[in-house]
N, C-alpha and C. Protein backbone atom coordinates (compact mmCIF):
# COMPACT_ATOMS: atom_id res chain seq x y z
N UNK A 1 21.17 2.82 -16.85
CA UNK A 1 19.85 3.27 -16.45
C UNK A 1 19.93 4.60 -16.00
N UNK A 2 19.15 5.56 -16.05
CA UNK A 2 19.01 6.44 -15.46
C UNK A 2 18.52 6.58 -14.19
N UNK A 3 19.07 7.44 -13.22
CA UNK A 3 18.21 7.79 -12.03
C UNK A 3 17.45 8.56 -11.55
N UNK A 4 17.00 9.50 -13.01
CA UNK A 4 16.01 10.38 -12.93
C UNK A 4 14.81 9.80 -13.10
N UNK A 5 13.58 9.66 -12.67
CA UNK A 5 12.51 8.77 -12.92
C UNK A 5 11.74 9.93 -14.17
N UNK A 6 11.39 9.41 -14.92
CA UNK A 6 10.39 10.16 -16.00
C UNK A 6 9.25 10.50 -15.78
N UNK A 7 8.81 9.82 -14.52
CA UNK A 7 7.30 10.15 -14.02
C UNK A 7 7.72 9.17 -12.52
N UNK A 8 7.11 10.44 -11.39
CA UNK A 8 7.17 10.07 -9.86
C UNK A 8 6.05 11.09 -9.09
N UNK A 9 5.65 10.18 -8.27
CA UNK A 9 4.58 10.50 -7.14
C UNK A 9 4.73 10.20 -6.37
N UNK A 10 4.68 11.03 -4.94
CA UNK A 10 4.49 10.65 -3.67
C UNK A 10 3.26 11.17 -2.78
N UNK A 11 3.31 10.07 -1.87
CA UNK A 11 1.90 10.42 -1.11
C UNK A 11 0.83 10.60 -1.94
N UNK A 12 0.27 9.67 -2.76
CA UNK A 12 -1.29 9.98 -3.67
C UNK A 12 -2.28 9.25 -2.70
N UNK A 13 -3.06 10.29 -2.54
CA UNK A 13 -4.27 9.68 -1.73
C UNK A 13 -5.92 9.60 -2.39
N UNK A 14 -6.62 8.61 -2.45
CA UNK A 14 -7.49 8.78 -3.07
C UNK A 14 -8.79 7.95 -2.37
N UNK A 15 -10.15 8.89 -2.30
CA UNK A 15 -11.12 8.12 -1.40
C UNK A 15 -12.30 8.15 -2.76
N UNK A 16 -13.32 7.53 -2.44
CA UNK A 16 -14.55 7.58 -2.86
C UNK A 16 -15.73 7.68 -1.60
N UNK A 17 -15.96 8.41 -1.47
CA UNK A 17 -16.82 8.48 0.21
C UNK A 17 -16.30 8.39 0.82
N UNK A 18 -16.25 7.79 2.04
CA UNK A 18 -15.73 6.52 2.90
C UNK A 18 -15.21 5.77 2.92
N UNK A 19 -14.71 5.21 1.73
CA UNK A 19 -13.85 4.40 1.39
C UNK A 19 -12.39 4.76 0.88
N UNK A 20 -11.57 4.76 1.73
CA UNK A 20 -9.94 4.83 1.08
C UNK A 20 -9.40 4.25 0.17
N UNK A 21 -9.43 4.20 -1.00
CA UNK A 21 -9.00 3.48 -2.34
C UNK A 21 -7.40 3.47 -1.72
N UNK A 22 -6.76 4.49 -2.04
CA UNK A 22 -5.20 4.79 -2.09
C UNK A 22 -4.61 5.37 -1.09
N UNK A 23 -3.83 5.10 -0.10
CA UNK A 23 -3.54 6.17 0.77
C UNK A 23 -1.71 6.23 1.11
N UNK A 24 -1.15 7.37 0.66
CA UNK A 24 -0.11 7.53 1.12
C UNK A 24 1.05 6.67 0.02
N UNK A 25 0.37 6.42 -1.38
CA UNK A 25 0.84 5.26 -2.66
C UNK A 25 2.38 6.45 -2.78
N UNK A 26 3.26 5.93 -3.26
CA UNK A 26 4.46 6.47 -4.14
C UNK A 26 4.70 5.34 -5.30
N UNK A 27 5.06 6.07 -5.93
CA UNK A 27 5.10 5.51 -7.98
C UNK A 27 6.04 5.89 -8.23
N UNK A 28 7.38 5.36 -9.04
CA UNK A 28 8.10 6.26 -9.58
C UNK A 28 8.00 5.08 -10.90
N UNK A 29 8.45 5.82 -12.22
CA UNK A 29 8.70 5.11 -13.42
C UNK A 29 10.07 5.28 -14.06
N UNK A 30 11.31 4.92 -14.27
CA UNK A 30 12.25 5.01 -14.84
C UNK A 30 12.93 4.30 -16.60
N UNK A 31 13.04 5.65 -16.99
CA UNK A 31 13.55 5.27 -18.08
C UNK A 31 14.17 3.61 -18.52
N UNK A 32 13.71 2.77 -19.34
CA UNK A 32 14.56 1.85 -19.66
C UNK A 32 14.32 0.95 -18.58
N UNK A 33 12.84 0.83 -18.37
CA UNK A 33 12.82 -0.07 -16.95
C UNK A 33 11.47 -0.46 -17.19
N UNK A 34 10.65 -1.68 -17.32
CA UNK A 34 9.65 -2.34 -17.36
C UNK A 34 9.14 -1.90 -16.24
N UNK A 35 7.98 -1.41 -16.04
CA UNK A 35 7.06 -1.06 -14.42
C UNK A 35 6.00 -1.37 -14.73
N UNK A 36 5.33 -2.59 -13.66
CA UNK A 36 4.06 -3.52 -13.10
C UNK A 36 3.63 -2.89 -12.13
N UNK A 37 2.54 -2.86 -12.19
CA UNK A 37 1.32 -2.31 -11.05
C UNK A 37 1.07 -3.55 -10.74
N UNK A 38 0.89 -4.57 -9.61
CA UNK A 38 -0.19 -5.58 -9.54
C UNK A 38 -0.55 -5.60 -8.35
N UNK A 39 -1.27 -6.86 -8.16
CA UNK A 39 -1.90 -6.38 -7.00
C UNK A 39 -3.47 -7.22 -7.03
N UNK A 40 -3.77 -7.52 -5.73
CA UNK A 40 -5.05 -8.03 -5.40
C UNK A 40 -6.35 -7.45 -6.07
N UNK A 41 -7.41 -8.06 -6.39
CA UNK A 41 -8.49 -7.47 -7.19
C UNK A 41 -9.19 -6.53 -5.96
N UNK A 42 -9.32 -5.31 -6.41
CA UNK A 42 -9.71 -4.24 -5.11
C UNK A 42 -8.72 -3.82 -4.67
N UNK A 43 -7.63 -3.93 -4.95
CA UNK A 43 -6.15 -3.27 -4.20
C UNK A 43 -6.09 -1.44 -5.28
N UNK A 44 -6.49 -1.31 -5.75
CA UNK A 44 -6.36 0.12 -6.46
C UNK A 44 -5.70 0.46 -7.28
N UNK A 45 -5.35 -0.68 -8.21
CA UNK A 45 -4.26 -0.56 -9.69
C UNK A 45 -5.24 0.56 -10.79
N UNK A 46 -6.33 0.17 -10.81
CA UNK A 46 -7.27 0.87 -11.91
C UNK A 46 -7.34 2.31 -11.77
N UNK A 47 -7.64 2.52 -10.37
CA UNK A 47 -7.95 3.72 -9.63
C UNK A 47 -6.25 4.11 -9.88
N UNK A 48 -5.38 3.73 -9.75
CA UNK A 48 -4.13 4.66 -9.89
C UNK A 48 -3.80 5.23 -11.09
N UNK A 49 -4.32 3.72 -12.12
CA UNK A 49 -3.95 4.25 -13.70
C UNK A 49 -5.05 5.58 -13.98
N UNK A 50 -6.00 5.64 -12.96
CA UNK A 50 -7.13 6.53 -13.53
C UNK A 50 -6.73 7.91 -13.03
N UNK A 51 -5.48 8.08 -11.90
CA UNK A 51 -5.48 9.27 -11.17
C UNK A 51 -4.53 9.48 -12.23
N UNK A 52 -3.52 8.67 -13.05
CA UNK A 52 -2.73 9.16 -13.80
C UNK A 52 -2.90 9.77 -15.03
N UNK A 53 -3.70 9.22 -15.49
CA UNK A 53 -4.24 9.95 -16.85
C UNK A 53 -5.26 10.49 -16.90
N UNK A 54 -5.70 11.55 -14.96
CA UNK A 54 -6.79 12.45 -15.23
C UNK A 54 -7.75 12.48 -15.03
N UNK A 55 -8.27 10.78 -15.30
CA UNK A 55 -9.83 10.65 -14.97
C UNK A 55 -10.35 10.87 -13.93
N UNK A 56 -9.36 10.63 -12.70
CA UNK A 56 -9.88 10.80 -11.55
C UNK A 56 -9.25 11.73 -10.65
N UNK A 57 -9.65 12.76 -10.10
CA UNK A 57 -8.55 13.73 -9.26
C UNK A 57 -8.36 12.83 -8.38
N UNK A 58 -6.85 13.40 -7.63
CA UNK A 58 -6.49 12.50 -6.42
C UNK A 58 -6.72 13.52 -5.39
N UNK A 59 -6.95 13.31 -3.94
CA UNK A 59 -7.45 13.54 -2.86
C UNK A 59 -6.32 14.65 -2.67
N UNK A 60 -5.01 14.21 -2.38
CA UNK A 60 -3.98 14.56 -2.12
C UNK A 60 -2.67 13.91 -2.80
N UNK A 61 -1.51 14.57 -2.71
CA UNK A 61 -0.34 14.28 -3.31
C UNK A 61 0.42 15.43 -2.96
N UNK A 62 1.91 14.60 -2.31
CA UNK A 62 2.78 15.69 -1.60
C UNK A 62 3.41 16.23 -2.92
N UNK A 63 4.31 15.34 -4.15
CA UNK A 63 4.66 15.93 -4.94
C UNK A 63 4.13 14.89 -6.20
N UNK A 64 4.53 15.66 -7.12
CA UNK A 64 4.26 15.15 -8.61
C UNK A 64 5.09 15.72 -9.80
N UNK A 65 5.99 15.17 -10.24
CA UNK A 65 7.25 15.57 -11.05
C UNK A 65 7.15 14.59 -12.36
N UNK A 66 7.69 15.13 -13.32
CA UNK A 66 8.24 14.93 -14.60
C UNK A 66 8.61 15.42 -15.23
N UNK A 67 10.38 15.25 -15.70
CA UNK A 67 11.35 15.87 -16.18
C UNK A 67 11.21 16.56 -17.41
N UNK A 68 11.40 18.00 -17.72
CA UNK A 68 11.11 18.32 -18.90
C UNK A 68 11.94 17.67 -19.96
N UNK A 69 11.54 17.16 -20.76
CA UNK A 69 11.74 16.80 -21.82
C UNK A 69 12.12 17.40 -23.77
């Protein structure tokens, strides 16, 4: 498997008003691997995917990388 992720996000933060939904989340997807995003109801899974898709804008992120293909 490859050592370089096809998507890597570091220190993602997202709030809706006073409610902080995502706090310093790190997320990486590697080629050839199955990646699952799991958690309790209200844990922020849908918000995370919507931030990746560009539906929601993150409040802050320290790095976001996708290699050139």
